[in-house]
Amino acid sequence: MEFSKEIIRLCKILPKSIITIPLIGQLIRSGTAIGANYIEANDSLGKKDFIHRIKIARKEAKETMYWLKLINEADNKFKEQIEILLKECTELKNILSAIIKNSI
């Protein structure tokens, strides 16, 4: 949830333009979906469902990294915050990958 909150905080301060508005929307969707899918995985109906939902969370983490990089390209005034979020997102992706590996 903390990662999702940081994504929201970043999106609140980003300048809104014809280029950044769609990117911000995508970032909010994917960045907050990581935690939501992790929560759903913990309430899964079985091992197969758990792994499936963790894989979705990992996919959302990869997508979030993509949107962060595009937003940085569109307006690099927030490069430091974006780099911190990219690092955190990479760590989340690696944790989710380890969970998948250990669950199979």
C-alpha atoms as a PDB file:
ATOM      1  CA  MET A   1       0.000   0.000   0.000  1.00  0.00           C
ATOM      2  CA  GLU A   2       2.886   2.397   0.721  1.00  0.00           C
ATOM      3  CA  PHE A   3       4.089   2.083  -2.866  1.00  0.00           C
ATOM      4  CA  SER A   4       0.596   2.918  -4.131  1.00  0.00           C
ATOM      5  CA  LYS A   5       0.497   5.971  -1.885  1.00  0.00           C
ATOM      6  CA  GLU A   6       3.844   7.162  -3.254  1.00  0.00           C
ATOM      7  CA  ILE A   7       2.569   6.743  -6.817  1.00  0.00           C
ATOM      8  CA  ILE A   8      -0.492   8.843  -5.973  1.00  0.00           C
ATOM      9  CA  ARG A   9       1.667  11.522  -4.323  1.00  0.00           C
ATOM     10  CA  LEU A  10       3.863  11.740  -7.420  1.00  0.00           C
ATOM     11  CA  CYS A  11       0.867  11.937  -9.752  1.00  0.00           C
ATOM     12  CA  LYS A  12      -0.615  14.791  -7.720  1.00  0.00           C
ATOM     13  CA  ILE A  13       2.470  16.978  -8.256  1.00  0.00           C
ATOM     14  CA  LEU A  14       3.194  16.154 -11.886  1.00  0.00           C
ATOM     15  CA  PRO A  15       2.357  18.943 -14.341  1.00  0.00           C
ATOM     16  CA  LYS A  16      -0.802  18.200 -16.285  1.00  0.00           C
ATOM     17  CA  SER A  17      -0.518  18.486 -20.062  1.00  0.00           C
ATOM     18  CA  ILE A  18      -1.946  16.798 -23.124  1.00  0.00           C
ATOM     19  CA  ILE A  19       0.981  14.362 -22.958  1.00  0.00           C
ATOM     20  CA  THR A  20       1.179  13.675 -19.245  1.00  0.00           C
ATOM     21  CA  ILE A  21      -2.519  13.298 -18.385  1.00  0.00           C
ATOM     22  CA  PRO A  22      -2.937   9.904 -20.159  1.00  0.00           C
ATOM     23  CA  LEU A  23       0.399   8.692 -18.791  1.00  0.00           C
ATOM     24  CA  ILE A  24      -0.557   9.691 -15.246  1.00  0.00           C
ATOM     25  CA  GLY A  25      -3.849   7.808 -15.556  1.00  0.00           C
ATOM     26  CA  GLN A  26      -2.070   4.668 -16.692  1.00  0.00           C
ATOM     27  CA  LEU A  27       0.518   4.988 -13.920  1.00  0.00           C
ATOM     28  CA  ILE A  28      -2.151   5.312 -11.242  1.00  0.00           C
ATOM     29  CA  ARG A  29      -3.981   2.233 -12.562  1.00  0.00           C
ATOM     30  CA  SER A  30      -0.931  -0.029 -12.795  1.00  0.00           C
ATOM     31  CA  GLY A  31       0.881   1.336  -9.740  1.00  0.00           C
ATOM     32  CA  THR A  32      -2.057   0.821  -7.416  1.00  0.00           C
ATOM     33  CA  ALA A  33      -2.985  -2.544  -8.965  1.00  0.00           C
ATOM     34  CA  ILE A  34       0.199  -4.172  -7.650  1.00  0.00           C
ATOM     35  CA  GLY A  35      -0.955  -4.023  -4.044  1.00  0.00           C
ATOM     36  CA  ALA A  36      -4.580  -4.737  -4.899  1.00  0.00           C
ATOM     37  CA  ASN A  37      -3.639  -7.956  -6.692  1.00  0.00           C
ATOM     38  CA  TYR A  38      -1.331  -8.968  -3.863  1.00  0.00           C
ATOM     39  CA  ILE A  39      -4.206  -8.539  -1.385  1.00  0.00           C
ATOM     40  CA  GLU A  40      -6.451 -10.634  -3.647  1.00  0.00           C
ATOM     41  CA  ALA A  41      -3.759 -13.320  -3.865  1.00  0.00           C
ATOM     42  CA  ASN A  42      -3.758 -13.632  -0.095  1.00  0.00           C
ATOM     43  CA  ASP A  43      -7.504 -14.292  -0.216  1.00  0.00           C
ATOM     44  CA  SER A  44      -7.186 -16.734  -3.106  1.00  0.00           C
ATOM     45  CA  LEU A  45      -9.203 -19.890  -3.532  1.00  0.00           C
ATOM     46  CA  GLY A  46      -6.177 -22.146  -3.790  1.00  0.00           C
ATOM     47  CA  LYS A  47      -2.552 -22.429  -4.840  1.00  0.00           C
ATOM     48  CA  LYS A  48      -3.247 -22.058  -8.572  1.00  0.00           C
ATOM     49  CA  ASP A  49      -5.355 -18.930  -7.994  1.00  0.00           C
ATOM     50  CA  PHE A  50      -2.696 -17.532  -5.620  1.00  0.00           C
ATOM     51  CA  ILE A  51       0.069 -17.941  -8.214  1.00  0.00           C
ATOM     52  CA  HIS A  52      -2.136 -16.463 -10.936  1.00  0.00           C
ATOM     53  CA  ARG A  53      -2.848 -13.320  -8.898  1.00  0.00           C
ATOM     54  CA  ILE A  54       0.804 -12.897  -7.888  1.00  0.00           C
ATOM     55  CA  LYS A  55       1.720 -13.126 -11.594  1.00  0.00           C
ATOM     56  CA  ILE A  56      -0.797 -10.373 -12.331  1.00  0.00           C
ATOM     57  CA  ALA A  57       0.744  -8.227  -9.573  1.00  0.00           C
ATOM     58  CA  ARG A  58       4.196  -8.804 -11.120  1.00  0.00           C
ATOM     59  CA  LYS A  59       2.857  -7.854 -14.548  1.00  0.00           C
ATOM     60  CA  GLU A  60       1.461  -4.626 -13.095  1.00  0.00           C
ATOM     61  CA  ALA A  61       4.857  -3.882 -11.538  1.00  0.00           C
ATOM     62  CA  LYS A  62       6.520  -4.254 -14.942  1.00  0.00           C
ATOM     63  CA  GLU A  63       3.892  -2.009 -16.506  1.00  0.00           C
ATOM     64  CA  THR A  64       4.367   0.586 -13.766  1.00  0.00           C
ATOM     65  CA  MET A  65       8.088   0.709 -14.535  1.00  0.00           C
ATOM     66  CA  TYR A  66       7.227   1.397 -18.166  1.00  0.00           C
ATOM     67  CA  TRP A  67       4.894   4.296 -17.324  1.00  0.00           C
ATOM     68  CA  LEU A  68       7.384   5.793 -14.866  1.00  0.00           C
ATOM     69  CA  LYS A  69      10.046   5.814 -17.584  1.00  0.00           C
ATOM     70  CA  LEU A  70       7.673   7.456 -20.071  1.00  0.00           C
ATOM     71  CA  ILE A  71       6.626  10.120 -17.580  1.00  0.00           C
ATOM     72  CA  ASN A  72      10.280  10.842 -16.870  1.00  0.00           C
ATOM     73  CA  GLU A  73      10.819  11.273 -20.606  1.00  0.00           C
ATOM     74  CA  ALA A  74       7.820  13.595 -20.913  1.00  0.00           C
ATOM     75  CA  ASP A  75       8.894  15.783 -17.978  1.00  0.00           C
ATOM     76  CA  ASN A  76      12.130  15.021 -16.167  1.00  0.00           C
ATOM     77  CA  LYS A  77      11.690  17.636 -13.424  1.00  0.00           C
ATOM     78  CA  PHE A  78      10.842  14.824 -11.016  1.00  0.00           C
ATOM     79  CA  LYS A  79      13.679  12.509 -12.053  1.00  0.00           C
ATOM     80  CA  GLU A  80      14.820  11.855  -8.471  1.00  0.00           C
ATOM     81  CA  GLN A  81      11.368  10.795  -7.234  1.00  0.00           C
ATOM     82  CA  ILE A  82      10.821   8.684 -10.334  1.00  0.00           C
ATOM     83  CA  GLU A  83      14.166   6.925  -9.912  1.00  0.00           C
ATOM     84  CA  ILE A  84      13.291   6.092  -6.291  1.00  0.00           C
ATOM     85  CA  LEU A  85       9.931   4.676  -7.400  1.00  0.00           C
ATOM     86  CA  LEU A  86      11.592   2.704 -10.202  1.00  0.00           C
ATOM     87  CA  LYS A  87      13.965   1.144  -7.680  1.00  0.00           C
ATOM     88  CA  GLU A  88      11.097   0.280  -5.324  1.00  0.00           C
ATOM     89  CA  CYS A  89       9.072  -1.141  -8.192  1.00  0.00           C
ATOM     90  CA  THR A  90      12.000  -3.293  -9.306  1.00  0.00           C
ATOM     91  CA  GLU A  91      12.294  -4.613  -5.752  1.00  0.00           C
ATOM     92  CA  LEU A  92       8.564  -5.391  -5.678  1.00  0.00           C
ATOM     93  CA  LYS A  93       8.845  -7.196  -9.018  1.00  0.00           C
ATOM     94  CA  ASN A  94      11.767  -9.255  -7.695  1.00  0.00           C
ATOM     95  CA  ILE A  95       9.887 -10.122  -4.493  1.00  0.00           C
ATOM     96  CA  LEU A  96       6.840 -11.199  -6.493  1.00  0.00           C
ATOM     97  CA  SER A  97       9.049 -13.285  -8.790  1.00  0.00           C
ATOM     98  CA  ALA A  98      10.573 -15.008  -5.751  1.00  0.00           C
ATOM     99  CA  ILE A  99       7.101 -15.720  -4.362  1.00  0.00           C
ATOM    100  CA  ILE A 100       6.107 -17.289  -7.689  1.00  0.00           C
ATOM    101  CA  LYS A 101       9.294 -19.346  -7.849  1.00  0.00           C
ATOM    102  CA  ASN A 102       8.875 -20.608  -4.280  1.00  0.00           C
ATOM    103  CA  SER A 103       5.183 -21.410  -4.796  1.00  0.00           C
ATOM    104  CA  ILE A 104       5.603 -23.615  -7.845  1.00  0.00           C
END
